[in-house]
Amino acid sequence: MTPSPVPDPEIDVQVDVRHLPDHSTAQRQVFGYVITLHNRGGDTWQLVARHWDIQDARGHTITVDGEGVVGEQPILAPGARYTYNSFVTLDTAPGVMAGHYVMRDAWGQSAQVPVLPFRLDTGSERVLN
């Protein structure tokens, strides 16, 4: 018996990240991010979990797993968008954040939606030749 193919949820993920200097200190940099998920497919999906890998400038990685996002498990009907904002802190910047969302369809099948790596940068780093 061959396993059923994993469904493609056809969810686009858009990330907008900003350094928050008013909330940061020399020892802890704070970044706010806004994520929009867009269901461009024909099926309804529910976001049930998230996974993040967050790496700072020293290569130290923190993994975060949890149910939903910001206390919600949104349902995205075909064509629907869901936007939320959150924040992350780094001991040393710049850093990188990436991960995935776990989505479930109406039949209970799960699929992962990747969130491509995005940079956590204060904008103060300089490159010298």
N, C-alpha and C. Protein backbone atom coordinates (compact mmCIF):
# COMPACT_ATOMS: atom_id res chain seq x y z
N MET A 1 0.84 -1.18 0.00
CA MET A 1 0.00 0.00 0.00
C MET A 1 0.89 1.24 0.00
N THR A 2 0.67 2.14 -0.92
CA THR A 2 1.47 3.36 -0.99
C THR A 2 0.79 4.46 -0.20
N PRO A 3 1.60 5.27 0.51
CA PRO A 3 1.00 6.36 1.29
C PRO A 3 0.39 7.41 0.39
N SER A 4 -0.61 8.09 0.91
CA SER A 4 -1.24 9.19 0.19
C SER A 4 -0.23 10.31 0.02
N PRO A 5 -0.29 10.98 -1.13
CA PRO A 5 0.63 12.11 -1.30
C PRO A 5 0.28 13.22 -0.31
N VAL A 6 1.32 13.92 0.14
CA VAL A 6 1.10 15.05 1.05
C VAL A 6 0.47 16.17 0.24
N PRO A 7 -0.63 16.73 0.71
CA PRO A 7 -1.29 17.79 -0.05
C PRO A 7 -0.43 19.06 -0.07
N ASP A 8 -0.55 19.82 -1.14
CA ASP A 8 0.13 21.12 -1.24
C ASP A 8 -0.88 22.18 -0.83
N PRO A 9 -0.64 22.84 0.31
CA PRO A 9 -1.64 23.82 0.75
C PRO A 9 -1.69 25.10 -0.06
N GLU A 10 -0.72 25.34 -0.94
CA GLU A 10 -0.72 26.54 -1.77
C GLU A 10 -0.92 27.81 -0.94
N ILE A 11 -0.10 27.93 0.11
CA ILE A 11 -0.14 29.10 0.98
C ILE A 11 1.11 29.93 0.73
N ASP A 12 0.94 31.20 0.36
CA ASP A 12 2.07 32.12 0.22
C ASP A 12 2.32 32.78 1.56
N VAL A 13 3.60 32.98 1.89
CA VAL A 13 3.98 33.63 3.14
C VAL A 13 4.80 34.88 2.80
N GLN A 14 4.36 36.02 3.33
CA GLN A 14 5.08 37.29 3.15
C GLN A 14 5.52 37.77 4.53
N VAL A 15 6.80 38.18 4.64
CA VAL A 15 7.35 38.63 5.91
C VAL A 15 7.86 40.06 5.77
N ASP A 16 7.51 40.89 6.74
CA ASP A 16 8.05 42.25 6.83
C ASP A 16 8.65 42.39 8.22
N VAL A 17 9.96 42.59 8.31
CA VAL A 17 10.64 42.64 9.60
C VAL A 17 11.27 44.02 9.80
N ARG A 18 11.24 44.48 11.05
CA ARG A 18 11.81 45.79 11.39
C ARG A 18 12.55 45.69 12.72
N HIS A 19 13.71 46.35 12.77
CA HIS A 19 14.42 46.49 14.04
C HIS A 19 13.68 47.52 14.88
N LEU A 20 13.54 47.27 16.18
CA LEU A 20 12.84 48.18 17.08
C LEU A 20 13.84 48.79 18.07
N PRO A 21 14.54 49.84 17.65
CA PRO A 21 15.60 50.40 18.50
C PRO A 21 15.08 50.95 19.82
N ASP A 22 13.85 51.46 19.87
CA ASP A 22 13.29 52.01 21.11
C ASP A 22 13.05 50.93 22.17
N HIS A 23 12.99 49.67 21.75
CA HIS A 23 12.77 48.57 22.67
C HIS A 23 14.03 47.72 22.87
N SER A 24 15.12 48.11 22.21
CA SER A 24 16.36 47.35 22.25
C SER A 24 17.35 47.96 23.22
N THR A 25 18.30 47.14 23.66
CA THR A 25 19.43 47.60 24.48
C THR A 25 20.70 47.06 23.82
N ALA A 26 21.85 47.45 24.34
CA ALA A 26 23.11 46.94 23.80
C ALA A 26 23.20 45.42 23.94
N GLN A 27 22.55 44.86 24.96
CA GLN A 27 22.61 43.42 25.23
C GLN A 27 21.49 42.63 24.55
N ARG A 28 20.45 43.30 24.07
CA ARG A 28 19.31 42.59 23.52
C ARG A 28 18.68 43.43 22.42
N GLN A 29 18.70 42.91 21.20
CA GLN A 29 18.10 43.59 20.06
C GLN A 29 16.70 43.01 19.82
N VAL A 30 15.73 43.89 19.63
CA VAL A 30 14.34 43.47 19.44
C VAL A 30 13.93 43.77 18.00
N PHE A 31 13.28 42.78 17.39
CA PHE A 31 12.78 42.91 16.02
C PHE A 31 11.30 42.56 16.00
N GLY A 32 10.52 43.41 15.36
CA GLY A 32 9.12 43.12 15.14
C GLY A 32 8.95 42.59 13.73
N TYR A 33 8.00 41.68 13.57
CA TYR A 33 7.74 41.19 12.22
C TYR A 33 6.25 41.03 12.01
N VAL A 34 5.85 41.25 10.77
CA VAL A 34 4.47 41.09 10.35
C VAL A 34 4.46 40.00 9.28
N ILE A 35 3.63 39.00 9.47
CA ILE A 35 3.53 37.91 8.51
C ILE A 35 2.11 37.85 7.96
N THR A 36 2.03 37.74 6.64
CA THR A 36 0.75 37.56 5.96
C THR A 36 0.78 36.22 5.24
N LEU A 37 -0.22 35.41 5.52
CA LEU A 37 -0.41 34.15 4.82
C LEU A 37 -1.59 34.33 3.86
N HIS A 38 -1.41 33.86 2.63
CA HIS A 38 -2.45 33.99 1.61
C HIS A 38 -2.73 32.61 1.04
N ASN A 39 -3.96 32.16 1.17
CA ASN A 39 -4.37 30.87 0.63
C ASN A 39 -4.76 31.07 -0.83
N ARG A 40 -3.85 30.69 -1.72
CA ARG A 40 -4.12 30.84 -3.16
C ARG A 40 -4.64 29.55 -3.78
N GLY A 41 -4.91 28.55 -2.94
CA GLY A 41 -5.42 27.27 -3.43
C GLY A 41 -6.93 27.18 -3.36
N GLY A 42 -7.44 26.00 -3.67
CA GLY A 42 -8.88 25.77 -3.69
C GLY A 42 -9.43 25.10 -2.46
N ASP A 43 -8.57 24.78 -1.48
CA ASP A 43 -9.01 24.11 -0.26
C ASP A 43 -8.87 25.03 0.94
N THR A 44 -9.64 24.75 1.97
CA THR A 44 -9.55 25.48 3.23
C THR A 44 -8.49 24.82 4.11
N TRP A 45 -7.66 25.65 4.78
CA TRP A 45 -6.59 25.18 5.64
C TRP A 45 -6.63 25.89 6.97
N GLN A 46 -6.26 25.18 8.02
CA GLN A 46 -6.13 25.78 9.34
C GLN A 46 -4.68 25.72 9.77
N LEU A 47 -4.17 26.85 10.25
CA LEU A 47 -2.81 26.89 10.79
C LEU A 47 -2.87 26.34 12.21
N VAL A 48 -2.23 25.20 12.45
CA VAL A 48 -2.34 24.56 13.76
C VAL A 48 -1.07 24.66 14.59
N ALA A 49 0.09 24.88 13.94
CA ALA A 49 1.34 24.94 14.70
C ALA A 49 2.39 25.72 13.92
N ARG A 50 3.46 26.08 14.64
CA ARG A 50 4.57 26.79 14.02
C ARG A 50 5.88 26.21 14.53
N HIS A 51 6.92 26.40 13.73
CA HIS A 51 8.29 26.01 14.10
C HIS A 51 9.22 27.10 13.61
N TRP A 52 10.07 27.60 14.51
CA TRP A 52 11.05 28.62 14.15
C TRP A 52 12.44 28.16 14.57
N ASP A 53 13.43 28.44 13.72
CA ASP A 53 14.84 28.34 14.07
C ASP A 53 15.38 29.75 13.97
N ILE A 54 15.91 30.26 15.09
CA ILE A 54 16.38 31.64 15.18
C ILE A 54 17.86 31.60 15.52
N GLN A 55 18.68 32.16 14.63
CA GLN A 55 20.13 32.12 14.83
C GLN A 55 20.67 33.54 14.97
N ASP A 56 21.53 33.76 15.99
CA ASP A 56 22.13 35.08 16.17
C ASP A 56 23.49 35.15 15.47
N ALA A 57 24.17 36.28 15.60
CA ALA A 57 25.44 36.52 14.90
C ALA A 57 26.55 35.57 15.35
N ARG A 58 26.43 35.02 16.53
CA ARG A 58 27.45 34.08 17.03
C ARG A 58 27.17 32.64 16.60
N GLY A 59 26.08 32.43 15.89
CA GLY A 59 25.73 31.09 15.45
C GLY A 59 24.90 30.31 16.45
N HIS A 60 24.51 30.95 17.55
CA HIS A 60 23.67 30.31 18.56
C HIS A 60 22.25 30.22 18.01
N THR A 61 21.67 29.03 18.03
CA THR A 61 20.33 28.81 17.48
C THR A 61 19.35 28.45 18.58
N ILE A 62 18.20 29.08 18.52
CA ILE A 62 17.08 28.77 19.41
C ILE A 62 15.96 28.23 18.53
N THR A 63 15.33 27.15 18.98
CA THR A 63 14.20 26.57 18.27
C THR A 63 12.94 26.83 19.08
N VAL A 64 11.90 27.29 18.39
CA VAL A 64 10.62 27.58 19.03
C VAL A 64 9.54 26.79 18.30
N ASP A 65 8.79 25.98 19.04
CA ASP A 65 7.65 25.25 18.51
C ASP A 65 6.43 25.59 19.35
N GLY A 66 5.28 25.68 18.72
CA GLY A 66 4.08 25.96 19.49
C GLY A 66 2.83 25.83 18.66
N GLU A 67 1.71 25.84 19.36
CA GLU A 67 0.41 25.79 18.69
C GLU A 67 0.09 27.14 18.08
N GLY A 68 -0.45 27.13 16.88
CA GLY A 68 -0.93 28.35 16.25
C GLY A 68 0.07 29.48 16.23
N VAL A 69 -0.44 30.69 16.13
CA VAL A 69 0.36 31.91 16.16
C VAL A 69 -0.38 32.94 17.00
N VAL A 70 0.31 33.66 17.82
CA VAL A 70 -0.25 34.70 18.70
C VAL A 70 -1.56 34.26 19.35
N GLY A 71 -1.59 33.01 19.81
CA GLY A 71 -2.76 32.50 20.50
C GLY A 71 -3.93 32.12 19.61
N GLU A 72 -3.74 32.10 18.31
CA GLU A 72 -4.82 31.79 17.38
C GLU A 72 -4.43 30.63 16.47
N GLN A 73 -5.43 29.93 15.98
CA GLN A 73 -5.27 28.89 14.96
C GLN A 73 -6.21 29.24 13.81
N PRO A 74 -5.80 30.22 13.00
CA PRO A 74 -6.71 30.76 11.98
C PRO A 74 -7.04 29.74 10.89
N ILE A 75 -8.25 29.88 10.36
CA ILE A 75 -8.71 29.08 9.23
C ILE A 75 -8.70 29.98 8.00
N LEU A 76 -8.05 29.49 6.94
CA LEU A 76 -7.95 30.25 5.70
C LEU A 76 -8.74 29.55 4.60
N ALA A 77 -9.87 30.12 4.27
CA ALA A 77 -10.67 29.64 3.14
C ALA A 77 -9.94 30.00 1.85
N PRO A 78 -10.31 29.41 0.72
CA PRO A 78 -9.68 29.77 -0.54
C PRO A 78 -9.72 31.28 -0.77
N GLY A 79 -8.57 31.85 -1.10
CA GLY A 79 -8.46 33.28 -1.35
C GLY A 79 -8.25 34.13 -0.11
N ALA A 80 -8.41 33.55 1.08
CA ALA A 80 -8.31 34.33 2.31
C ALA A 80 -6.87 34.68 2.66
N ARG A 81 -6.74 35.76 3.41
CA ARG A 81 -5.44 36.20 3.94
C ARG A 81 -5.56 36.29 5.45
N TYR A 82 -4.45 36.04 6.12
CA TYR A 82 -4.38 36.20 7.57
C TYR A 82 -3.07 36.90 7.87
N THR A 83 -3.13 37.99 8.63
CA THR A 83 -1.95 38.77 8.98
C THR A 83 -1.84 38.85 10.49
N TYR A 84 -0.62 38.67 10.99
CA TYR A 84 -0.37 38.82 12.42
C TYR A 84 1.00 39.44 12.62
N ASN A 85 1.21 39.99 13.81
CA ASN A 85 2.54 40.52 14.12
C ASN A 85 3.02 39.94 15.43
N SER A 86 4.34 39.86 15.52
CA SER A 86 4.98 39.33 16.71
C SER A 86 6.37 39.94 16.81
N PHE A 87 7.19 39.42 17.71
CA PHE A 87 8.54 39.96 17.84
C PHE A 87 9.49 38.84 18.24
N VAL A 88 10.77 39.14 18.08
CA VAL A 88 11.84 38.21 18.46
C VAL A 88 13.00 39.03 18.99
N THR A 89 13.76 38.46 19.91
CA THR A 89 14.93 39.15 20.45
C THR A 89 16.19 38.36 20.13
N LEU A 90 17.29 39.09 19.95
CA LEU A 90 18.60 38.50 19.72
C LEU A 90 19.60 39.10 20.70
N ASP A 91 20.51 38.27 21.20
CA ASP A 91 21.60 38.79 22.02
C ASP A 91 22.60 39.54 21.16
N THR A 92 22.86 39.01 19.96
CA THR A 92 23.78 39.65 19.02
C THR A 92 23.19 39.62 17.62
N ALA A 93 23.22 40.77 16.97
CA ALA A 93 22.70 40.88 15.60
C ALA A 93 23.90 41.06 14.66
N PRO A 94 23.73 40.74 13.39
CA PRO A 94 22.50 40.31 12.74
C PRO A 94 22.20 38.84 13.01
N GLY A 95 21.00 38.45 12.64
CA GLY A 95 20.59 37.07 12.80
C GLY A 95 19.71 36.65 11.64
N VAL A 96 19.27 35.40 11.71
CA VAL A 96 18.42 34.84 10.67
C VAL A 96 17.33 34.03 11.34
N MET A 97 16.14 34.09 10.78
CA MET A 97 14.99 33.36 11.28
C MET A 97 14.33 32.63 10.12
N ALA A 98 13.97 31.37 10.33
CA ALA A 98 13.29 30.57 9.30
C ALA A 98 12.47 29.50 10.01
N GLY A 99 11.58 28.88 9.27
CA GLY A 99 10.80 27.82 9.89
C GLY A 99 9.70 27.33 8.99
N HIS A 100 8.60 26.92 9.62
CA HIS A 100 7.45 26.46 8.85
C HIS A 100 6.20 26.50 9.71
N TYR A 101 5.07 26.49 9.02
CA TYR A 101 3.77 26.36 9.65
C TYR A 101 3.24 24.97 9.35
N VAL A 102 2.53 24.39 10.30
CA VAL A 102 1.83 23.13 10.09
C VAL A 102 0.37 23.50 9.84
N MET A 103 -0.12 23.07 8.69
CA MET A 103 -1.49 23.36 8.28
C MET A 103 -2.27 22.05 8.25
N ARG A 104 -3.58 22.13 8.51
CA ARG A 104 -4.44 20.94 8.44
C ARG A 104 -5.65 21.27 7.56
N ASP A 105 -5.98 20.33 6.68
CA ASP A 105 -7.14 20.56 5.81
C ASP A 105 -8.41 19.99 6.46
N ALA A 106 -9.53 20.11 5.77
CA ALA A 106 -10.84 19.69 6.31
C ALA A 106 -10.93 18.19 6.53
N TRP A 107 -10.05 17.41 5.90
CA TRP A 107 -10.05 15.95 6.04
C TRP A 107 -9.04 15.48 7.08
N GLY A 108 -8.38 16.44 7.75
CA GLY A 108 -7.43 16.10 8.80
C GLY A 108 -6.02 15.83 8.33
N GLN A 109 -5.75 16.00 7.03
CA GLN A 109 -4.40 15.82 6.53
C GLN A 109 -3.56 17.04 6.86
N SER A 110 -2.30 16.81 7.24
CA SER A 110 -1.39 17.90 7.59
C SER A 110 -0.36 18.11 6.50
N ALA A 111 0.10 19.34 6.39
CA ALA A 111 1.16 19.70 5.45
C ALA A 111 1.97 20.84 6.07
N GLN A 112 3.21 20.98 5.63
CA GLN A 112 4.05 22.06 6.10
C GLN A 112 4.15 23.15 5.05
N VAL A 113 4.11 24.39 5.52
CA VAL A 113 4.33 25.56 4.66
C VAL A 113 5.63 26.20 5.13
N PRO A 114 6.66 26.18 4.27
CA PRO A 114 7.94 26.74 4.70
C PRO A 114 7.92 28.26 4.78
N VAL A 115 8.68 28.79 5.74
CA VAL A 115 8.94 30.22 5.82
C VAL A 115 10.43 30.35 5.53
N LEU A 116 10.74 30.91 4.37
CA LEU A 116 12.14 31.03 3.95
C LEU A 116 12.90 31.93 4.92
N PRO A 117 14.22 31.73 5.03
CA PRO A 117 15.01 32.53 5.96
C PRO A 117 14.86 34.02 5.69
N PHE A 118 14.72 34.79 6.79
CA PHE A 118 14.74 36.24 6.67
C PHE A 118 15.70 36.80 7.70
N ARG A 119 16.31 37.92 7.33
CA ARG A 119 17.40 38.51 8.11
C ARG A 119 16.86 39.42 9.21
N LEU A 120 17.46 39.32 10.37
CA LEU A 120 17.18 40.19 11.51
C LEU A 120 18.40 41.10 11.64
N ASP A 121 18.27 42.33 11.18
CA ASP A 121 19.43 43.22 11.02
C ASP A 121 19.09 44.60 11.59
N THR A 122 19.99 45.13 12.37
CA THR A 122 19.75 46.46 12.95
C THR A 122 20.00 47.57 11.96
N GLY A 123 20.67 47.27 10.86
CA GLY A 123 21.00 48.30 9.87
C GLY A 123 22.27 49.04 10.22
N SER A 124 22.88 48.72 11.37
CA SER A 124 24.09 49.44 11.78
C SER A 124 25.37 48.69 11.43
N GLU A 125 25.23 47.46 10.89
CA GLU A 125 26.43 46.70 10.54
C GLU A 125 27.11 47.36 9.34
N ARG A 126 28.40 47.38 9.34
CA ARG A 126 29.17 47.99 8.25
C ARG A 126 30.06 46.93 7.62
N VAL A 127 30.21 47.03 6.30
CA VAL A 127 31.14 46.16 5.58
C VAL A 127 32.29 47.02 5.10
N LEU A 128 33.50 46.65 5.51
CA LEU A 128 34.69 47.40 5.10
C LEU A 128 35.45 46.61 4.06
N ASN A 129 35.96 47.31 3.04
CA ASN A 129 36.77 46.63 2.01
C ASN A 129 38.22 46.63 2.40
